[in-house]
N, C-alpha and C. Protein backbone atom coordinates (compact mmCIF):
# COMPACT_ATOMS: atom_id res chain seq x y z
N MET A 1 13.53 22.00 -8.83
CA MET A 1 12.79 21.88 -7.73
C MET A 1 12.46 20.50 -7.81
N LYS A 2 12.41 19.97 -6.78
CA LYS A 2 12.05 18.34 -6.42
C LYS A 2 10.81 18.33 -7.11
N LYS A 3 10.77 16.99 -7.89
CA LYS A 3 9.50 16.34 -8.20
C LYS A 3 8.96 14.97 -7.82
N ILE A 4 7.83 14.95 -7.00
CA ILE A 4 7.37 14.09 -6.15
C ILE A 4 6.11 13.32 -6.80
N ALA A 5 6.29 11.98 -6.88
CA ALA A 5 5.04 11.22 -7.38
C ALA A 5 4.60 10.38 -6.55
N LEU A 6 3.35 10.42 -5.74
CA LEU A 6 2.85 9.62 -4.68
C LEU A 6 2.00 8.63 -5.05
N PHE A 7 2.38 7.23 -4.49
CA PHE A 7 1.31 6.26 -5.34
C PHE A 7 0.93 5.50 -4.18
N ASP A 8 -0.64 5.16 -3.96
CA ASP A 8 -1.21 4.23 -3.10
C ASP A 8 -0.80 2.94 -3.98
N PHE A 9 -0.80 1.74 -3.14
CA PHE A 9 -0.55 0.11 -3.45
C PHE A 9 -1.87 -0.47 -3.87
N ASP A 10 -2.72 -0.77 -2.81
CA ASP A 10 -3.85 -1.63 -3.28
C ASP A 10 -4.75 -0.91 -4.26
N LYS A 11 -5.10 -1.77 -4.99
CA LYS A 11 -6.31 -1.44 -5.94
C LYS A 11 -5.62 -0.05 -7.03
N THR A 12 -4.51 0.39 -6.71
CA THR A 12 -3.92 1.53 -7.51
C THR A 12 -2.89 1.06 -8.78
N ILE A 13 -2.19 0.32 -7.76
CA ILE A 13 -0.96 -0.22 -8.94
C ILE A 13 -1.41 -1.64 -8.96
N THR A 14 -1.97 -2.30 -7.86
CA THR A 14 -2.57 -3.94 -8.10
C THR A 14 -4.05 -3.88 -8.30
N GLN A 15 -4.56 -5.18 -8.91
CA GLN A 15 -5.86 -5.40 -9.41
C GLN A 15 -6.40 -5.93 -8.12
N GLU A 16 -5.85 -6.20 -6.95
CA GLU A 16 -6.91 -6.57 -6.21
C GLU A 16 -6.47 -6.26 -4.68
N HIS A 17 -6.85 -6.31 -3.62
CA HIS A 17 -6.00 -6.12 -2.21
C HIS A 17 -5.12 -6.94 -2.30
N SER A 18 -3.88 -6.43 -1.78
CA SER A 18 -2.72 -7.40 -1.11
C SER A 18 -2.90 -8.33 -0.25
N ILE A 19 -3.46 -7.85 0.80
CA ILE A 19 -3.87 -8.96 1.86
C ILE A 19 -4.84 -10.01 1.29
N GLY A 20 -5.78 -9.59 0.50
CA GLY A 20 -6.30 -11.01 -0.25
C GLY A 20 -5.54 -11.87 -0.93
N SER A 21 -4.38 -11.35 -1.75
CA SER A 21 -3.57 -12.15 -2.41
C SER A 21 -2.64 -13.05 -1.41
N LEU A 22 -2.31 -12.35 -0.35
CA LEU A 22 -1.18 -13.25 0.50
C LEU A 22 -2.21 -14.31 1.58
N LEU A 23 -3.45 -13.99 1.66
CA LEU A 23 -4.32 -14.72 2.29
C LEU A 23 -4.77 -16.01 1.58
N LYS A 24 -4.80 -16.18 0.21
CA LYS A 24 -5.22 -17.14 -0.64
C LYS A 24 -3.66 -17.79 -0.67
N PHE A 25 -3.06 -17.39 -0.83
CA PHE A 25 -1.38 -17.72 -1.18
C PHE A 25 -1.27 -18.70 0.36
N ILE A 26 -1.43 -17.97 1.38
CA ILE A 26 -0.66 -18.71 2.35
C ILE A 26 -2.05 -20.20 2.89
N PHE A 27 -3.43 -20.18 2.32
CA PHE A 27 -4.16 -21.02 2.59
C PHE A 27 -3.71 -22.00 1.68
N LYS A 28 -3.19 -21.93 0.50
CA LYS A 28 -2.97 -22.83 -0.56
C LYS A 28 -1.92 -23.80 -0.18
N ASN A 29 -0.64 -22.86 0.47
CA ASN A 29 0.47 -23.86 1.01
C ASN A 29 0.31 -24.17 2.45
N HIS A 30 -0.67 -23.80 3.28
CA HIS A 30 -0.77 -24.32 4.45
C HIS A 30 -2.36 -24.49 4.67
N PRO A 31 -2.86 -25.45 4.24
CA PRO A 31 -4.26 -25.93 4.29
C PRO A 31 -5.00 -25.59 5.66
N LEU A 32 -3.91 -26.45 6.68
CA LEU A 32 -4.46 -27.02 7.84
C LEU A 32 -4.82 -26.04 8.63
N HIS A 33 -4.24 -24.75 8.26
CA HIS A 33 -4.51 -23.23 8.97
C HIS A 33 -5.42 -22.52 8.75
N ALA A 34 -6.05 -22.93 7.61
CA ALA A 34 -7.18 -22.36 7.35
C ALA A 34 -8.43 -21.90 8.43
N LEU A 35 -9.15 -22.92 8.75
CA LEU A 35 -10.09 -23.13 9.76
C LEU A 35 -10.02 -22.11 10.97
N PRO A 36 -8.50 -22.31 11.50
CA PRO A 36 -8.22 -21.45 12.84
C PRO A 36 -8.10 -20.02 12.45
N PHE A 37 -7.47 -19.83 10.95
CA PHE A 37 -7.16 -18.22 10.87
C PHE A 37 -8.45 -17.84 10.57
N VAL A 38 -9.49 -18.44 9.95
CA VAL A 38 -10.75 -17.77 9.91
C VAL A 38 -11.51 -17.90 11.13
N LEU A 39 -11.84 -18.53 11.86
CA LEU A 39 -12.17 -18.27 13.49
C LEU A 39 -11.40 -16.83 14.00
N ARG A 40 -10.22 -16.69 13.88
CA ARG A 40 -9.41 -15.81 14.49
C ARG A 40 -9.82 -14.48 13.59
N LEU A 41 -9.81 -14.75 12.42
CA LEU A 41 -9.94 -13.43 11.56
C LEU A 41 -11.39 -12.79 12.25
N VAL A 42 -12.01 -13.89 12.23
CA VAL A 42 -13.94 -13.19 12.70
C VAL A 42 -13.83 -12.57 13.78
N PHE A 43 -12.99 -13.17 14.67
CA PHE A 43 -13.15 -12.34 16.26
C PHE A 43 -12.35 -10.97 16.04
N SER A 44 -11.04 -11.03 15.04
CA SER A 44 -10.52 -9.56 15.05
C SER A 44 -11.22 -8.71 14.16
N LEU A 45 -11.98 -9.27 13.34
CA LEU A 45 -12.64 -8.18 12.51
C LEU A 45 -14.11 -7.52 13.44
N VAL A 46 -14.40 -8.60 14.16
CA VAL A 46 -15.65 -7.92 15.11
C VAL A 46 -15.05 -7.02 15.82
N HIS A 47 -13.84 -7.44 16.45
CA HIS A 47 -12.85 -6.19 17.39
C HIS A 47 -12.79 -4.74 16.77
N SER A 48 -12.52 -5.09 15.50
CA SER A 48 -11.57 -3.99 14.75
C SER A 48 -13.24 -2.85 14.18
N LEU A 49 -13.94 -3.77 13.76
CA LEU A 49 -15.40 -2.85 13.71
C LEU A 49 -16.28 -2.15 15.02
N LEU A 50 -15.77 -2.99 16.01
CA LEU A 50 -16.43 -2.17 17.42
C LEU A 50 -15.76 -1.34 18.04
N THR A 51 -14.22 -1.17 17.62
CA THR A 51 -13.35 -0.12 18.09
C THR A 51 -12.85 0.84 16.87
N GLY A 52 -13.14 0.48 15.80
CA GLY A 52 -12.50 1.41 14.71
C GLY A 52 -10.98 1.08 14.63
N ASP A 53 -10.75 0.03 15.39
CA ASP A 53 -9.13 0.16 15.29
C ASP A 53 -8.83 -1.39 14.62
N PHE A 54 -7.86 -0.99 13.45
CA PHE A 54 -7.86 -2.41 12.93
C PHE A 54 -6.62 -2.80 13.13
N ARG A 55 -5.71 -2.49 13.80
CA ARG A 55 -4.49 -2.68 13.98
C ARG A 55 -4.36 -4.23 14.41
N HIS A 56 -5.73 -4.98 15.42
CA HIS A 56 -5.66 -6.23 15.76
C HIS A 56 -6.06 -6.94 14.65
N LEU A 57 -6.47 -6.72 13.55
CA LEU A 57 -6.66 -7.20 12.53
C LEU A 57 -5.68 -7.83 11.47
N LYS A 58 -4.69 -6.60 11.40
CA LYS A 58 -3.68 -6.42 10.77
C LYS A 58 -2.42 -7.78 11.50
N ASN A 59 -2.59 -7.39 12.90
CA ASN A 59 -1.87 -8.50 13.66
C ASN A 59 -1.97 -9.79 13.58
N SER A 60 -3.29 -10.04 13.29
CA SER A 60 -3.66 -11.42 12.95
C SER A 60 -3.11 -12.11 11.95
N VAL A 61 -3.18 -11.12 10.85
CA VAL A 61 -2.97 -11.56 9.23
C VAL A 61 -1.38 -11.76 9.45
N LEU A 62 -0.33 -10.85 9.73
CA LEU A 62 0.91 -10.83 10.05
C LEU A 62 1.51 -12.22 10.55
N SER A 63 0.73 -12.47 11.48
CA SER A 63 1.05 -13.88 12.40
C SER A 63 1.34 -15.12 11.41
N TYR A 64 0.25 -14.78 10.37
CA TYR A 64 0.21 -15.93 9.36
C TYR A 64 1.17 -15.92 8.67
N TYR A 65 1.45 -14.87 7.80
CA TYR A 65 2.57 -14.42 7.08
C TYR A 65 3.94 -15.35 7.34
N ASP A 66 4.16 -14.88 8.72
CA ASP A 66 5.59 -15.72 9.20
C ASP A 66 5.23 -17.22 9.22
N LEU A 67 4.09 -17.55 8.89
CA LEU A 67 4.26 -19.07 8.57
C LEU A 67 4.81 -19.54 7.30
N LEU A 68 5.18 -18.31 6.44
CA LEU A 68 5.83 -18.68 5.19
C LEU A 68 7.01 -19.07 5.33
N THR A 69 7.63 -20.22 4.66
CA THR A 69 9.14 -20.22 4.49
C THR A 69 9.32 -18.96 3.48
N PRO A 70 11.31 -19.01 3.38
CA PRO A 70 11.65 -18.28 3.05
C PRO A 70 12.01 -18.02 1.72
N GLU A 71 11.15 -19.52 1.20
CA GLU A 71 11.44 -19.94 -0.06
C GLU A 71 10.09 -19.71 -0.30
N GLU A 72 8.82 -19.90 0.30
CA GLU A 72 7.66 -19.43 -0.23
C GLU A 72 7.35 -17.97 -0.18
N LYS A 73 7.80 -17.18 0.85
CA LYS A 73 7.74 -15.91 0.71
C LYS A 73 8.37 -15.23 -0.65
N ASP A 74 9.71 -15.90 -1.15
CA ASP A 74 10.10 -15.38 -2.36
C ASP A 74 8.86 -15.75 -3.57
N ILE A 75 8.37 -16.90 -3.36
CA ILE A 75 7.49 -16.98 -4.62
C ILE A 75 6.58 -15.96 -4.33
N PHE A 76 5.86 -15.67 -3.31
CA PHE A 76 4.76 -14.85 -3.42
C PHE A 76 5.63 -13.39 -3.62
N LEU A 77 6.34 -12.98 -3.28
CA LEU A 77 6.94 -11.55 -3.59
C LEU A 77 7.46 -11.35 -5.43
N HIS A 78 7.97 -12.31 -5.83
CA HIS A 78 8.46 -12.37 -7.28
C HIS A 78 7.81 -13.15 -8.37
N GLN A 79 6.55 -14.02 -7.71
CA GLN A 79 5.91 -14.59 -8.95
C GLN A 79 4.47 -14.47 -8.81
N VAL A 80 4.08 -14.39 -7.73
CA VAL A 80 2.16 -14.22 -7.35
C VAL A 80 2.09 -12.62 -7.62
N MET A 81 2.53 -11.85 -6.82
CA MET A 81 2.62 -10.28 -7.11
C MET A 81 2.46 -9.88 -7.98
N PRO A 82 3.87 -10.13 -8.82
CA PRO A 82 3.60 -9.57 -10.28
C PRO A 82 2.76 -9.75 -11.27
N LYS A 83 2.07 -10.80 -11.10
CA LYS A 83 0.98 -10.97 -12.12
C LYS A 83 -0.46 -10.11 -11.36
N LYS A 84 -0.40 -9.58 -10.35
CA LYS A 84 -1.38 -8.80 -10.17
C LYS A 84 -1.29 -7.18 -10.47
N TYR A 85 -0.27 -6.91 -10.77
CA TYR A 85 -0.08 -5.33 -10.93
C TYR A 85 -0.85 -4.93 -12.61
N TYR A 86 -1.50 -3.54 -12.45
CA TYR A 86 -2.04 -3.22 -13.81
C TYR A 86 -0.85 -2.77 -14.61
N LYS A 87 -0.84 -3.36 -15.61
CA LYS A 87 0.05 -2.95 -16.91
C LYS A 87 0.04 -1.56 -17.06
N ASP A 88 -1.08 -0.52 -17.00
CA ASP A 88 -0.82 0.51 -17.16
C ASP A 88 -0.18 1.68 -16.01
N ALA A 89 -0.27 0.87 -14.85
CA ALA A 89 0.52 1.16 -13.53
C ALA A 89 1.99 1.10 -13.66
N LEU A 90 2.58 0.20 -14.27
CA LEU A 90 3.81 -0.19 -14.58
C LEU A 90 4.26 0.90 -15.41
N GLU A 91 3.70 1.37 -16.56
CA GLU A 91 4.06 1.92 -17.48
C GLU A 91 3.98 3.55 -17.10
N GLU A 92 3.05 3.40 -15.79
CA GLU A 92 3.21 5.05 -15.56
C GLU A 92 4.56 5.61 -14.58
N LEU A 93 4.47 4.07 -13.62
CA LEU A 93 5.85 4.45 -12.46
C LEU A 93 7.00 4.56 -13.70
N ALA A 94 7.31 3.87 -15.00
CA ALA A 94 8.31 4.10 -15.75
C ALA A 94 8.06 5.39 -16.59
N ARG A 95 7.03 5.87 -16.38
CA ARG A 95 7.13 7.21 -17.20
C ARG A 95 7.49 8.58 -16.12
N ARG A 96 7.10 8.36 -14.85
CA ARG A 96 7.60 9.32 -14.05
C ARG A 96 8.98 9.30 -13.31
N LYS A 97 9.62 8.22 -13.53
CA LYS A 97 10.94 7.61 -13.36
C LYS A 97 11.62 8.36 -14.48
N LYS A 98 11.37 8.23 -15.86
CA LYS A 98 12.29 8.76 -16.48
C LYS A 98 11.76 10.35 -16.78
N GLU A 99 11.11 10.83 -15.95
CA GLU A 99 10.75 12.35 -16.32
C GLU A 99 11.31 12.95 -15.10
N GLY A 100 12.17 12.25 -14.21
CA GLY A 100 12.77 12.46 -12.82
C GLY A 100 12.16 12.93 -11.57
N TYR A 101 10.85 12.06 -11.64
CA TYR A 101 10.01 12.29 -10.34
C TYR A 101 11.01 11.17 -9.41
N THR A 102 10.92 11.72 -7.99
CA THR A 102 11.31 11.01 -6.89
C THR A 102 9.86 9.83 -6.55
N LEU A 103 9.95 8.64 -6.56
CA LEU A 103 8.55 7.68 -6.36
C LEU A 103 8.42 7.41 -4.81
N PHE A 104 7.25 7.94 -4.52
CA PHE A 104 7.02 7.21 -3.10
C PHE A 104 5.85 6.28 -2.93
N LEU A 105 5.94 5.45 -2.63
CA LEU A 105 5.01 4.40 -2.31
C LEU A 105 4.29 4.04 -1.13
N VAL A 106 3.00 4.71 -0.89
CA VAL A 106 2.46 4.97 0.38
C VAL A 106 1.00 4.22 0.31
N SER A 107 1.33 3.50 1.44
CA SER A 107 0.56 2.41 1.62
C SER A 107 -0.17 1.86 3.13
N ALA A 108 -1.36 1.57 3.49
CA ALA A 108 -1.42 0.72 4.72
C ALA A 108 -1.29 -0.63 4.75
N SER A 109 -0.63 -1.13 3.67
CA SER A 109 -0.51 -2.89 3.48
C SER A 109 0.65 -2.61 4.49
N MET A 110 1.12 -4.30 4.79
CA MET A 110 2.25 -4.07 5.71
C MET A 110 3.64 -4.34 5.20
N GLU A 111 4.44 -3.37 5.80
CA GLU A 111 5.92 -3.25 5.23
C GLU A 111 6.71 -4.58 4.85
N ALA A 112 6.23 -5.55 5.68
CA ALA A 112 6.86 -6.91 5.90
C ALA A 112 6.98 -7.59 4.39
N TYR A 113 5.99 -7.17 3.57
CA TYR A 113 6.04 -7.27 1.92
C TYR A 113 5.95 -6.28 0.93
N LEU A 114 5.62 -4.95 1.81
CA LEU A 114 5.63 -4.22 0.81
C LEU A 114 6.68 -3.37 0.35
N VAL A 115 7.66 -3.51 1.26
CA VAL A 115 9.02 -3.12 1.29
C VAL A 115 9.72 -3.84 -0.03
N PRO A 116 9.81 -5.16 0.15
CA PRO A 116 10.43 -5.92 -0.99
C PRO A 116 9.85 -5.34 -2.21
N LEU A 117 8.23 -5.44 -2.21
CA LEU A 117 7.47 -5.33 -3.59
C LEU A 117 8.15 -3.88 -4.03
N GLY A 118 8.13 -2.83 -3.20
CA GLY A 118 8.21 -1.57 -3.64
C GLY A 118 9.66 -1.37 -4.44
N ARG A 119 10.84 -2.30 -3.73
CA ARG A 119 12.22 -1.98 -4.02
C ARG A 119 12.05 -2.23 -5.80
N ASP A 120 11.55 -3.54 -5.65
CA ASP A 120 11.40 -4.27 -7.23
C ASP A 120 10.57 -3.44 -8.01
N LEU A 121 9.81 -2.70 -7.78
CA LEU A 121 8.90 -1.49 -8.40
C LEU A 121 9.82 -0.89 -8.92
N GLY A 122 10.79 -0.03 -8.37
CA GLY A 122 11.72 1.20 -8.44
C GLY A 122 11.06 2.30 -7.49
N PHE A 123 10.52 2.16 -6.66
CA PHE A 123 10.48 3.37 -5.63
C PHE A 123 11.49 3.43 -4.78
N ASP A 124 11.86 4.75 -4.97
CA ASP A 124 12.79 5.37 -3.76
C ASP A 124 12.48 5.83 -2.58
N TYR A 125 11.29 5.38 -2.27
CA TYR A 125 10.66 5.39 -0.67
C TYR A 125 9.42 4.87 -0.41
N ILE A 126 9.37 3.96 0.59
CA ILE A 126 8.31 3.22 0.70
C ILE A 126 7.87 3.33 1.99
N LEU A 127 6.52 3.59 2.47
CA LEU A 127 5.77 3.89 3.75
C LEU A 127 4.49 2.73 3.72
N GLY A 128 4.93 2.17 4.68
CA GLY A 128 3.39 1.36 5.16
C GLY A 128 3.23 0.83 6.41
N THR A 129 2.44 0.12 6.63
CA THR A 129 2.24 -0.28 8.22
C THR A 129 3.37 -0.77 8.79
N ARG A 130 3.89 -0.37 9.92
CA ARG A 130 5.16 -1.05 10.53
C ARG A 130 4.96 -2.14 11.56
N PHE A 131 5.45 -3.27 11.54
CA PHE A 131 5.52 -4.24 12.59
C PHE A 131 6.53 -4.24 13.17
N ILE A 132 6.75 -4.75 14.81
CA ILE A 132 7.38 -4.81 15.87
C ILE A 132 7.51 -6.10 16.54
N ASP A 133 8.40 -7.07 16.48
CA ASP A 133 7.84 -8.39 17.11
C ASP A 133 6.34 -8.62 17.16
N GLY A 134 5.96 -8.60 15.64
CA GLY A 134 4.66 -9.23 15.14
C GLY A 134 3.58 -8.48 15.81
N LYS A 135 3.61 -7.25 15.89
CA LYS A 135 2.48 -6.37 16.44
C LYS A 135 2.85 -5.05 15.60
N ILE A 136 1.75 -4.13 15.07
CA ILE A 136 1.99 -3.34 14.45
C ILE A 136 2.43 -2.00 15.46
N ARG A 137 3.43 -1.37 14.90
CA ARG A 137 4.11 -0.31 15.80
C ARG A 137 3.70 1.08 14.96
N GLY A 138 2.84 1.86 16.15
CA GLY A 138 2.23 3.33 15.36
C GLY A 138 0.86 3.10 15.47
N LEU A 139 0.40 3.88 14.51
CA LEU A 139 -0.89 3.73 14.02
C LEU A 139 -1.00 3.11 12.67
N ASN A 140 -2.21 2.65 12.23
CA ASN A 140 -2.44 2.10 10.97
C ASN A 140 -2.35 3.17 10.10
N HIS A 141 -1.08 2.80 8.97
CA HIS A 141 -0.91 3.85 8.11
C HIS A 141 -1.73 3.99 7.01
N ALA A 142 -2.87 4.81 7.41
CA ALA A 142 -4.01 5.04 6.27
C ALA A 142 -4.40 6.52 6.83
N LYS A 143 -5.23 7.42 5.61
CA LYS A 143 -5.67 8.54 5.80
C LYS A 143 -4.52 9.48 6.36
N GLU A 144 -4.81 10.20 7.37
CA GLU A 144 -4.16 11.61 7.84
C GLU A 144 -2.78 11.15 8.14
N GLU A 145 -2.91 9.62 8.61
CA GLU A 145 -1.60 8.93 9.24
C GLU A 145 -0.53 8.82 7.75
N LYS A 146 -0.96 8.78 6.90
CA LYS A 146 -0.31 8.89 5.83
C LYS A 146 0.77 9.93 5.10
N VAL A 147 -0.12 11.50 5.54
CA VAL A 147 0.30 12.65 5.28
C VAL A 147 1.42 12.85 6.37
N ARG A 148 1.13 12.34 7.91
CA ARG A 148 2.09 12.49 9.06
C ARG A 148 3.40 11.95 8.82
N ARG A 149 3.73 10.70 8.19
CA ARG A 149 4.69 10.07 8.00
C ARG A 149 5.14 10.31 6.74
N LEU A 150 4.53 10.97 5.59
CA LEU A 150 5.08 11.58 4.51
C LEU A 150 6.13 13.28 5.41
N LYS A 151 5.53 13.87 5.76
CA LYS A 151 6.06 15.36 5.92
C LYS A 151 7.42 14.54 7.26
N ALA A 152 6.95 13.60 7.76
CA ALA A 152 7.87 13.33 8.73
C ALA A 152 9.47 12.91 8.08
N LEU A 153 9.03 12.22 6.83
CA LEU A 153 9.99 11.66 5.97
C LEU A 153 10.80 12.95 5.23
N PHE A 154 9.94 13.89 4.49
CA PHE A 154 10.83 14.85 3.98
C PHE A 154 11.52 15.42 5.13
N ASP A 155 11.01 15.77 6.32
CA ASP A 155 11.83 16.61 7.41
C ASP A 155 13.61 15.72 7.48
N LYS A 156 12.93 14.63 7.60
CA LYS A 156 14.25 13.77 7.71
C LYS A 156 15.35 13.72 6.70
N GLU A 157 14.71 13.22 5.73
CA GLU A 157 16.09 13.33 4.67
C GLU A 157 15.91 14.58 3.83
N LYS A 158 15.21 16.04 4.39
CA LYS A 158 15.49 17.17 3.65
C LYS A 158 15.14 17.08 1.97
N ILE A 159 13.97 16.54 2.14
CA ILE A 159 13.44 16.30 0.65
C ILE A 159 12.59 17.69 0.60
N PRO A 160 12.80 18.82 -0.44
CA PRO A 160 12.27 20.11 -0.88
C PRO A 160 10.74 19.59 -0.91
N TYR A 161 9.87 19.63 -0.48
CA TYR A 161 8.38 19.41 -1.07
C TYR A 161 7.53 20.65 -1.32
N ASN A 162 6.95 20.46 -2.79
CA ASN A 162 6.53 21.68 -3.44
C ASN A 162 5.22 20.94 -4.13
N GLN A 163 4.00 21.48 -3.46
CA GLN A 163 2.76 20.83 -3.97
C GLN A 163 2.94 21.30 -5.36
N ALA A 164 3.21 22.23 -6.03
CA ALA A 164 3.17 22.64 -7.39
C ALA A 164 3.84 21.55 -8.49
N THR A 165 4.94 20.52 -7.57
CA THR A 165 5.41 20.01 -8.62
C THR A 165 5.51 18.59 -8.11
N THR A 166 4.46 18.05 -7.50
CA THR A 166 4.02 16.75 -6.78
C THR A 166 2.66 16.40 -7.56
N VAL A 167 2.66 14.80 -7.80
CA VAL A 167 1.52 14.27 -8.26
C VAL A 167 1.03 12.99 -7.14
N ALA A 168 0.05 12.61 -7.51
CA ALA A 168 -0.27 11.86 -6.26
C ALA A 168 -1.88 10.67 -7.21
N TYR A 169 -1.34 9.30 -6.72
CA TYR A 169 -2.12 8.63 -7.24
C TYR A 169 -3.05 7.73 -6.31
N SER A 170 -4.36 7.14 -6.33
CA SER A 170 -4.82 6.34 -5.25
C SER A 170 -6.33 5.88 -6.31
N ASP A 171 -7.03 4.75 -5.57
CA ASP A 171 -8.08 4.40 -6.19
C ASP A 171 -9.13 4.96 -5.05
N SER A 172 -8.94 5.44 -4.29
CA SER A 172 -9.89 5.73 -3.20
C SER A 172 -9.98 7.14 -2.78
N TYR A 173 -11.02 8.09 -3.28
CA TYR A 173 -10.80 9.37 -3.06
C TYR A 173 -11.38 9.59 -1.38
N LYS A 174 -12.25 8.59 -0.90
CA LYS A 174 -12.60 8.58 0.74
C LYS A 174 -11.14 8.50 1.71
N ASP A 175 -10.35 7.62 1.17
CA ASP A 175 -9.59 7.01 2.03
C ASP A 175 -8.29 8.09 1.71
N ASP A 176 -8.02 8.07 0.75
CA ASP A 176 -6.68 9.04 0.36
C ASP A 176 -6.98 10.47 -0.04
N LYS A 177 -7.69 11.04 0.49
CA LYS A 177 -8.22 12.76 -0.28
C LYS A 177 -6.95 13.19 0.68
N PRO A 178 -6.88 13.16 2.09
CA PRO A 178 -5.54 13.92 2.50
C PRO A 178 -4.19 13.68 1.97
N MET A 179 -3.61 12.53 1.32
CA MET A 179 -2.47 12.25 0.79
C MET A 179 -2.69 13.02 -1.10
N LEU A 180 -3.62 12.89 -1.46
CA LEU A 180 -3.82 13.02 -2.77
C LEU A 180 -3.85 14.89 -2.67
N ASP A 181 -4.05 15.27 -1.54
CA ASP A 181 -4.35 16.92 -1.71
C ASP A 181 -2.95 17.61 -1.41
N LEU A 182 -2.09 16.53 -1.61
CA LEU A 182 -0.55 16.94 -0.89
C LEU A 182 0.02 17.71 -2.62
N ALA A 183 -0.89 17.01 -3.58
CA ALA A 183 -0.10 17.22 -4.91
C ALA A 183 -1.04 18.44 -5.72
N GLN A 184 -0.65 19.00 -6.77
CA GLN A 184 -0.91 19.48 -7.79
C GLN A 184 -1.93 18.45 -8.71
N GLU A 185 -1.21 17.89 -8.79
CA GLU A 185 -2.49 16.69 -10.17
C GLU A 185 -2.58 15.87 -9.29
N ARG A 186 -3.90 15.14 -9.21
CA ARG A 186 -4.46 14.12 -8.34
C ARG A 186 -5.12 13.10 -9.18
N PHE A 187 -4.67 11.83 -9.41
CA PHE A 187 -5.45 10.91 -10.14
C PHE A 187 -5.91 9.83 -9.37
N LEU A 188 -7.27 9.65 -9.65
CA LEU A 188 -8.13 8.69 -9.19
C LEU A 188 -8.02 7.25 -10.34
N ILE A 189 -8.08 6.00 -9.66
CA ILE A 189 -7.71 4.98 -10.71
C ILE A 189 -8.98 4.07 -10.35
N ASN A 190 -9.71 4.00 -11.83
CA ASN A 190 -10.61 3.24 -11.82
C ASN A 190 -12.04 3.26 -10.43
N SER A 191 -12.12 4.41 -10.53
CA SER A 191 -12.58 4.92 -9.41
C SER A 191 -14.36 5.64 -9.72
N PRO A 192 -15.74 5.07 -9.31
CA PRO A 192 -16.59 5.52 -9.69
C PRO A 192 -16.58 7.16 -8.90
N VAL A 193 -15.94 7.44 -8.07
CA VAL A 193 -15.97 8.99 -7.55
C VAL A 193 -15.39 10.30 -8.96
N HIS A 194 -16.12 11.26 -9.08
CA HIS A 194 -15.63 12.58 -9.77
C HIS A 194 -15.29 13.37 -8.88
N ALA A 195 -14.31 14.32 -8.84
CA ALA A 195 -14.50 15.10 -7.88
C ALA A 195 -13.81 16.31 -8.57
N PRO A 196 -14.21 17.65 -8.33
CA PRO A 196 -13.32 18.75 -8.81
C PRO A 196 -11.89 18.70 -8.28
N GLY A 197 -11.24 19.01 -9.35
CA GLY A 197 -9.32 19.10 -9.05
C GLY A 197 -9.05 17.70 -9.20
N TYR A 198 -9.77 16.82 -9.67
CA TYR A 198 -9.47 15.57 -9.44
C TYR A 198 -9.54 14.61 -11.02
N GLN A 199 -8.45 14.05 -11.62
CA GLN A 199 -8.62 13.49 -12.96
C GLN A 199 -8.63 11.79 -12.83
N ASN A 200 -9.49 11.28 -13.47
CA ASN A 200 -9.79 9.86 -13.62
C ASN A 200 -9.37 9.16 -14.62
N LEU A 201 -8.19 7.97 -14.20
CA LEU A 201 -7.93 7.38 -15.21
C LEU A 201 -8.69 5.87 -15.18
N THR A 202 -8.43 4.98 -16.18
CA THR A 202 -9.14 3.89 -15.96
C THR A 202 -7.55 3.12 -16.30
N TRP A 203 -7.25 2.19 -15.39
CA TRP A 203 -5.75 1.17 -15.52
C TRP A 203 -6.49 -0.07 -15.72
N LYS A 204 -5.55 -0.96 -16.46
CA LYS A 204 -5.86 -2.06 -16.83
C LYS A 204 -4.60 -3.07 -16.83
């Protein structure tokens, strides 16, 4: 029977939101773009809060990711981000891999950087928010959309999913409950929420 491990990324594997790490890196390397980006970001944030659609906000961020040169992207992916990972998360990934689990990285973060990061971490499958020609393709990859994409992937790859042999990890009960409920064992990482059927872990 297939053993599956589902992992969120931001604040589950990482100590901070990856989009924040990305913006700090961009502003450090391209300081002249900081002010125009902040103005654009405020507009996008207001638009997103009013409409409940955060695709506009993520489109703005992705447009600035493309400012980075290939060399800068390589530094961000292989030098900056690895310093942001919880040591306990890396140990848990290695343990689950050794136990024969197929590892899924399931995040709302942009696939533009999530995919290479996930590959470096040893994930078998990586699902994030997809972009085509600088714009989000489909829905923001969060909440129920994570479950929809996972089930579509299971069908496409003929992966025999069974709740009894699935484990899931996230820092957010509110945002990731739909995904966590796919698993028999559900872990909340550094979360103030204590819910029946969930185990709380403190990762450093």
